[in-house]
Amino acid sequence: ELPDCGRFPCLTLAHKALRAGGTTACTINAANEIAVDAFLKGNLRFTDIYPLIEATLDAAPGVDAPAYEDYVAVNDESRAIASELVKAAGSERLLSAIAAHNVFKKISNNDNFTK
């Protein structure tokens, strides 16, 4: 039986890491550790874990062919990003922070905007 990615959306992140390679899994792991720690301390809702990891993955730098130093740097940066998102957590504040990040990302990736 195939796993239910609708019920367990973080499985989709694992599949993404397998496809993308590079430092993707490192970022997912770092964000997950920050998110789960915050959840266990009562600072993050369980349902905010996946969006926080996904937002961290979108924001963190990625390296396609990493050396050890790249993993260390990406791990540190990913933890910092995830920690900032946890600070913004409150429910709507986290979702607003993620939404703002996504809007900025779309704008900054728009060639017409950057020219």
N, C-alpha and C. Protein backbone atom coordinates (compact mmCIF):
# COMPACT_ATOMS: atom_id res chain seq x y z
N GLU A 1 0.84 -1.18 0.00
CA GLU A 1 0.00 0.00 0.00
C GLU A 1 0.89 1.25 0.00
N LEU A 2 0.56 2.18 -0.85
CA LEU A 2 1.32 3.43 -0.94
C LEU A 2 0.98 4.34 0.24
N PRO A 3 1.96 5.11 0.71
CA PRO A 3 1.68 6.05 1.80
C PRO A 3 0.75 7.16 1.34
N ASP A 4 -0.02 7.68 2.26
CA ASP A 4 -0.97 8.75 1.99
C ASP A 4 -0.28 10.10 2.18
N CYS A 5 0.20 10.67 1.08
CA CYS A 5 0.91 11.96 1.16
C CYS A 5 -0.02 13.10 1.52
N GLY A 6 -1.32 12.92 1.36
CA GLY A 6 -2.28 13.93 1.79
C GLY A 6 -2.33 14.02 3.31
N ARG A 7 -2.27 12.87 3.95
CA ARG A 7 -2.27 12.84 5.42
C ARG A 7 -0.90 13.11 5.99
N PHE A 8 0.12 12.77 5.23
CA PHE A 8 1.51 12.93 5.68
C PHE A 8 2.29 13.74 4.64
N PRO A 9 2.03 15.05 4.57
CA PRO A 9 2.62 15.85 3.49
C PRO A 9 4.14 15.96 3.53
N CYS A 10 4.74 15.72 4.68
CA CYS A 10 6.20 15.80 4.73
C CYS A 10 6.86 14.71 3.89
N LEU A 11 6.11 13.66 3.58
CA LEU A 11 6.66 12.63 2.68
C LEU A 11 6.94 13.21 1.30
N THR A 12 6.15 14.20 0.89
CA THR A 12 6.40 14.83 -0.41
C THR A 12 7.73 15.58 -0.40
N LEU A 13 8.09 16.12 0.77
CA LEU A 13 9.38 16.80 0.88
C LEU A 13 10.53 15.80 0.75
N ALA A 14 10.35 14.62 1.30
CA ALA A 14 11.38 13.59 1.17
C ALA A 14 11.54 13.19 -0.30
N HIS A 15 10.43 13.05 -1.00
CA HIS A 15 10.50 12.72 -2.43
C HIS A 15 11.19 13.84 -3.20
N LYS A 16 10.88 15.08 -2.82
CA LYS A 16 11.51 16.24 -3.46
C LYS A 16 13.02 16.20 -3.25
N ALA A 17 13.44 15.88 -2.03
CA ALA A 17 14.87 15.80 -1.72
C ALA A 17 15.55 14.72 -2.55
N LEU A 18 14.90 13.60 -2.71
CA LEU A 18 15.48 12.52 -3.53
C LEU A 18 15.65 12.95 -4.97
N ARG A 19 14.66 13.67 -5.50
CA ARG A 19 14.73 14.12 -6.90
C ARG A 19 15.75 15.24 -7.08
N ALA A 20 15.77 16.19 -6.15
CA ALA A 20 16.60 17.39 -6.30
C ALA A 20 18.07 17.13 -5.98
N GLY A 21 18.33 16.31 -4.99
CA GLY A 21 19.71 16.05 -4.60
C GLY A 21 20.35 17.27 -3.96
N GLY A 22 21.65 17.36 -4.04
CA GLY A 22 22.37 18.49 -3.46
C GLY A 22 22.11 18.62 -1.97
N THR A 23 21.90 19.85 -1.53
CA THR A 23 21.71 20.12 -0.10
C THR A 23 20.24 20.14 0.31
N THR A 24 19.34 19.71 -0.59
CA THR A 24 17.91 19.76 -0.29
C THR A 24 17.56 18.98 0.98
N ALA A 25 18.06 17.76 1.11
CA ALA A 25 17.76 16.96 2.30
C ALA A 25 18.32 17.60 3.56
N CYS A 26 19.46 18.25 3.45
CA CYS A 26 20.07 18.94 4.59
C CYS A 26 19.14 20.05 5.08
N THR A 27 18.61 20.82 4.15
CA THR A 27 17.69 21.90 4.50
C THR A 27 16.43 21.36 5.15
N ILE A 28 15.86 20.32 4.56
CA ILE A 28 14.65 19.72 5.11
C ILE A 28 14.90 19.21 6.52
N ASN A 29 16.02 18.53 6.72
CA ASN A 29 16.34 18.01 8.05
C ASN A 29 16.51 19.13 9.08
N ALA A 30 17.23 20.17 8.72
CA ALA A 30 17.46 21.28 9.64
C ALA A 30 16.14 21.96 10.02
N ALA A 31 15.31 22.23 9.02
CA ALA A 31 14.02 22.88 9.28
C ALA A 31 13.11 21.98 10.10
N ASN A 32 13.13 20.69 9.81
CA ASN A 32 12.31 19.75 10.56
C ASN A 32 12.72 19.71 12.03
N GLU A 33 14.02 19.68 12.29
CA GLU A 33 14.48 19.65 13.68
C GLU A 33 14.04 20.90 14.44
N ILE A 34 14.13 22.06 13.81
CA ILE A 34 13.70 23.31 14.44
C ILE A 34 12.19 23.28 14.66
N ALA A 35 11.43 22.87 13.65
CA ALA A 35 9.97 22.86 13.74
C ALA A 35 9.48 21.88 14.80
N VAL A 36 10.01 20.67 14.82
CA VAL A 36 9.57 19.68 15.80
C VAL A 36 9.93 20.11 17.22
N ASP A 37 11.11 20.67 17.39
CA ASP A 37 11.50 21.18 18.71
C ASP A 37 10.53 22.27 19.17
N ALA A 38 10.18 23.17 18.28
CA ALA A 38 9.23 24.24 18.62
C ALA A 38 7.85 23.65 18.95
N PHE A 39 7.43 22.65 18.19
CA PHE A 39 6.15 21.99 18.46
C PHE A 39 6.16 21.34 19.84
N LEU A 40 7.22 20.60 20.14
CA LEU A 40 7.29 19.90 21.43
C LEU A 40 7.33 20.88 22.61
N LYS A 41 7.84 22.08 22.37
CA LYS A 41 7.88 23.10 23.42
C LYS A 41 6.60 23.93 23.47
N GLY A 42 5.66 23.65 22.58
CA GLY A 42 4.40 24.37 22.56
C GLY A 42 4.45 25.70 21.83
N ASN A 43 5.49 25.91 21.04
CA ASN A 43 5.66 27.18 20.33
C ASN A 43 5.21 27.13 18.87
N LEU A 44 4.72 25.98 18.42
CA LEU A 44 4.32 25.82 17.03
C LEU A 44 3.22 24.77 16.97
N ARG A 45 2.21 25.04 16.17
CA ARG A 45 1.15 24.04 15.99
C ARG A 45 1.67 22.89 15.12
N PHE A 46 1.16 21.70 15.34
CA PHE A 46 1.56 20.55 14.55
C PHE A 46 1.32 20.81 13.06
N THR A 47 0.20 21.45 12.75
CA THR A 47 -0.14 21.70 11.34
C THR A 47 0.74 22.77 10.70
N ASP A 48 1.56 23.45 11.49
CA ASP A 48 2.49 24.44 10.93
C ASP A 48 3.86 23.84 10.60
N ILE A 49 4.09 22.60 10.95
CA ILE A 49 5.40 21.98 10.70
C ILE A 49 5.69 21.91 9.20
N TYR A 50 4.77 21.34 8.43
CA TYR A 50 5.00 21.21 6.99
C TYR A 50 5.19 22.56 6.31
N PRO A 51 4.28 23.55 6.53
CA PRO A 51 4.50 24.84 5.87
C PRO A 51 5.82 25.50 6.25
N LEU A 52 6.24 25.32 7.50
CA LEU A 52 7.50 25.91 7.94
C LEU A 52 8.68 25.26 7.21
N ILE A 53 8.66 23.96 7.10
CA ILE A 53 9.74 23.26 6.39
C ILE A 53 9.75 23.67 4.92
N GLU A 54 8.58 23.72 4.31
CA GLU A 54 8.49 24.09 2.90
C GLU A 54 8.98 25.52 2.67
N ALA A 55 8.59 26.45 3.54
CA ALA A 55 9.04 27.84 3.41
C ALA A 55 10.55 27.95 3.60
N THR A 56 11.08 27.18 4.53
CA THR A 56 12.53 27.17 4.73
C THR A 56 13.24 26.65 3.50
N LEU A 57 12.70 25.59 2.92
CA LEU A 57 13.28 25.01 1.71
C LEU A 57 13.25 26.02 0.56
N ASP A 58 12.19 26.79 0.46
CA ASP A 58 12.10 27.81 -0.58
C ASP A 58 13.09 28.95 -0.37
N ALA A 59 13.35 29.27 0.90
CA ALA A 59 14.19 30.44 1.21
C ALA A 59 15.67 30.12 1.31
N ALA A 60 16.00 28.91 1.68
CA ALA A 60 17.40 28.56 1.93
C ALA A 60 18.18 28.41 0.63
N PRO A 61 19.47 28.73 0.69
CA PRO A 61 20.29 28.53 -0.50
C PRO A 61 20.48 27.04 -0.76
N GLY A 62 20.60 26.69 -2.00
CA GLY A 62 20.83 25.30 -2.35
C GLY A 62 22.13 25.16 -3.13
N VAL A 63 22.79 24.04 -2.94
CA VAL A 63 24.04 23.75 -3.65
C VAL A 63 23.87 22.40 -4.33
N ASP A 64 24.05 22.37 -5.64
CA ASP A 64 23.82 21.15 -6.41
C ASP A 64 24.88 20.07 -6.18
N ALA A 65 26.13 20.47 -6.09
CA ALA A 65 27.23 19.51 -5.89
C ALA A 65 28.02 19.97 -4.66
N PRO A 66 27.46 19.75 -3.47
CA PRO A 66 28.05 20.32 -2.26
C PRO A 66 29.30 19.60 -1.76
N ALA A 67 30.17 20.41 -1.19
CA ALA A 67 31.30 19.90 -0.40
C ALA A 67 30.85 19.94 1.06
N TYR A 68 31.64 19.39 1.94
CA TYR A 68 31.30 19.36 3.36
C TYR A 68 30.96 20.76 3.88
N GLU A 69 31.77 21.74 3.51
CA GLU A 69 31.57 23.11 3.97
C GLU A 69 30.21 23.67 3.52
N ASP A 70 29.76 23.26 2.33
CA ASP A 70 28.45 23.69 1.85
C ASP A 70 27.34 23.14 2.73
N TYR A 71 27.46 21.88 3.12
CA TYR A 71 26.45 21.29 4.01
C TYR A 71 26.40 22.03 5.34
N VAL A 72 27.55 22.36 5.89
CA VAL A 72 27.61 23.08 7.16
C VAL A 72 26.94 24.45 7.01
N ALA A 73 27.27 25.17 5.95
CA ALA A 73 26.71 26.50 5.73
C ALA A 73 25.20 26.45 5.49
N VAL A 74 24.76 25.52 4.66
CA VAL A 74 23.33 25.40 4.36
C VAL A 74 22.56 24.97 5.62
N ASN A 75 23.13 24.07 6.39
CA ASN A 75 22.49 23.66 7.64
C ASN A 75 22.31 24.86 8.57
N ASP A 76 23.35 25.64 8.74
CA ASP A 76 23.29 26.82 9.61
C ASP A 76 22.25 27.82 9.10
N GLU A 77 22.28 28.11 7.82
CA GLU A 77 21.35 29.08 7.23
C GLU A 77 19.91 28.57 7.33
N SER A 78 19.70 27.29 7.06
CA SER A 78 18.36 26.72 7.13
C SER A 78 17.80 26.78 8.55
N ARG A 79 18.64 26.49 9.53
CA ARG A 79 18.20 26.58 10.93
C ARG A 79 17.86 28.03 11.30
N ALA A 80 18.63 28.97 10.80
CA ALA A 80 18.34 30.38 11.09
C ALA A 80 17.01 30.81 10.47
N ILE A 81 16.77 30.41 9.23
CA ILE A 81 15.52 30.74 8.56
C ILE A 81 14.34 30.11 9.29
N ALA A 82 14.45 28.83 9.60
CA ALA A 82 13.36 28.14 10.30
C ALA A 82 13.12 28.76 11.67
N SER A 83 14.16 29.13 12.36
CA SER A 83 14.02 29.76 13.68
C SER A 83 13.28 31.09 13.58
N GLU A 84 13.59 31.87 12.54
CA GLU A 84 12.89 33.13 12.33
C GLU A 84 11.41 32.89 12.04
N LEU A 85 11.11 31.86 11.29
CA LEU A 85 9.71 31.54 11.00
C LEU A 85 8.99 31.09 12.27
N VAL A 86 9.68 30.35 13.13
CA VAL A 86 9.07 29.95 14.40
C VAL A 86 8.75 31.18 15.24
N LYS A 87 9.67 32.15 15.24
CA LYS A 87 9.42 33.39 15.99
C LYS A 87 8.18 34.10 15.46
N ALA A 88 7.94 34.01 14.16
CA ALA A 88 6.77 34.63 13.56
C ALA A 88 5.49 33.81 13.81
N ALA A 89 5.68 32.59 14.29
CA ALA A 89 4.54 31.69 14.48
C ALA A 89 3.62 32.25 15.55
N GLY A 90 2.40 31.99 15.35
CA GLY A 90 1.38 32.37 16.29
C GLY A 90 0.10 31.82 15.71
N SER A 91 0.12 31.52 14.52
CA SER A 91 -0.88 30.91 13.66
C SER A 91 -0.95 31.76 12.41
N GLU A 92 -1.73 32.85 12.46
CA GLU A 92 -1.81 33.69 11.27
C GLU A 92 -0.49 34.37 10.97
N ARG A 93 0.28 34.68 12.01
CA ARG A 93 1.57 35.35 11.77
C ARG A 93 2.50 34.46 10.97
N LEU A 94 2.54 33.17 11.28
CA LEU A 94 3.39 32.26 10.51
C LEU A 94 2.89 32.18 9.09
N LEU A 95 1.59 32.00 8.92
CA LEU A 95 1.04 31.89 7.58
C LEU A 95 1.26 33.19 6.81
N SER A 96 1.15 34.33 7.48
CA SER A 96 1.40 35.61 6.83
C SER A 96 2.87 35.74 6.42
N ALA A 97 3.76 35.29 7.31
CA ALA A 97 5.20 35.34 7.00
C ALA A 97 5.51 34.47 5.79
N ILE A 98 4.91 33.29 5.74
CA ILE A 98 5.14 32.38 4.61
C ILE A 98 4.54 32.98 3.34
N ALA A 99 3.34 33.53 3.44
CA ALA A 99 2.69 34.13 2.27
C ALA A 99 3.52 35.31 1.76
N ALA A 100 4.02 36.14 2.67
CA ALA A 100 4.84 37.28 2.26
C ALA A 100 6.12 36.80 1.58
N HIS A 101 6.71 35.74 2.14
CA HIS A 101 7.92 35.17 1.52
C HIS A 101 7.61 34.69 0.11
N ASN A 102 6.49 34.01 -0.07
CA ASN A 102 6.13 33.48 -1.38
C ASN A 102 5.87 34.60 -2.38
N VAL A 103 5.23 35.68 -1.95
CA VAL A 103 4.99 36.82 -2.83
C VAL A 103 6.31 37.45 -3.23
N PHE A 104 7.21 37.66 -2.26
CA PHE A 104 8.52 38.23 -2.57
C PHE A 104 9.27 37.35 -3.55
N LYS A 105 9.21 36.04 -3.33
CA LYS A 105 9.91 35.10 -4.20
C LYS A 105 9.39 35.21 -5.64
N LYS A 106 8.06 35.29 -5.79
CA LYS A 106 7.48 35.41 -7.12
C LYS A 106 7.89 36.71 -7.78
N ILE A 107 7.87 37.80 -7.01
CA ILE A 107 8.25 39.11 -7.55
C ILE A 107 9.72 39.10 -7.95
N SER A 108 10.59 38.58 -7.07
CA SER A 108 12.02 38.62 -7.36
C SER A 108 12.40 37.68 -8.49
N ASN A 109 11.58 36.67 -8.76
CA ASN A 109 11.86 35.76 -9.87
C ASN A 109 11.27 36.25 -11.18
N ASN A 110 10.52 37.33 -11.13
CA ASN A 110 9.87 37.88 -12.32
C ASN A 110 10.89 38.74 -13.08
N ASP A 111 11.22 38.33 -14.29
CA ASP A 111 12.22 39.06 -15.09
C ASP A 111 11.82 40.51 -15.33
N ASN A 112 10.54 40.76 -15.51
CA ASN A 112 10.08 42.12 -15.77
C ASN A 112 10.32 43.02 -14.55
N PHE A 113 10.24 42.45 -13.37
CA PHE A 113 10.44 43.22 -12.16
C PHE A 113 11.90 43.57 -11.96
N THR A 114 12.79 42.65 -12.28
CA THR A 114 14.20 42.86 -11.99
C THR A 114 14.92 43.66 -13.07
N LYS A 115 14.31 43.88 -14.20
CA LYS A 115 14.98 44.63 -15.28
C LYS A 115 14.70 46.10 -15.17
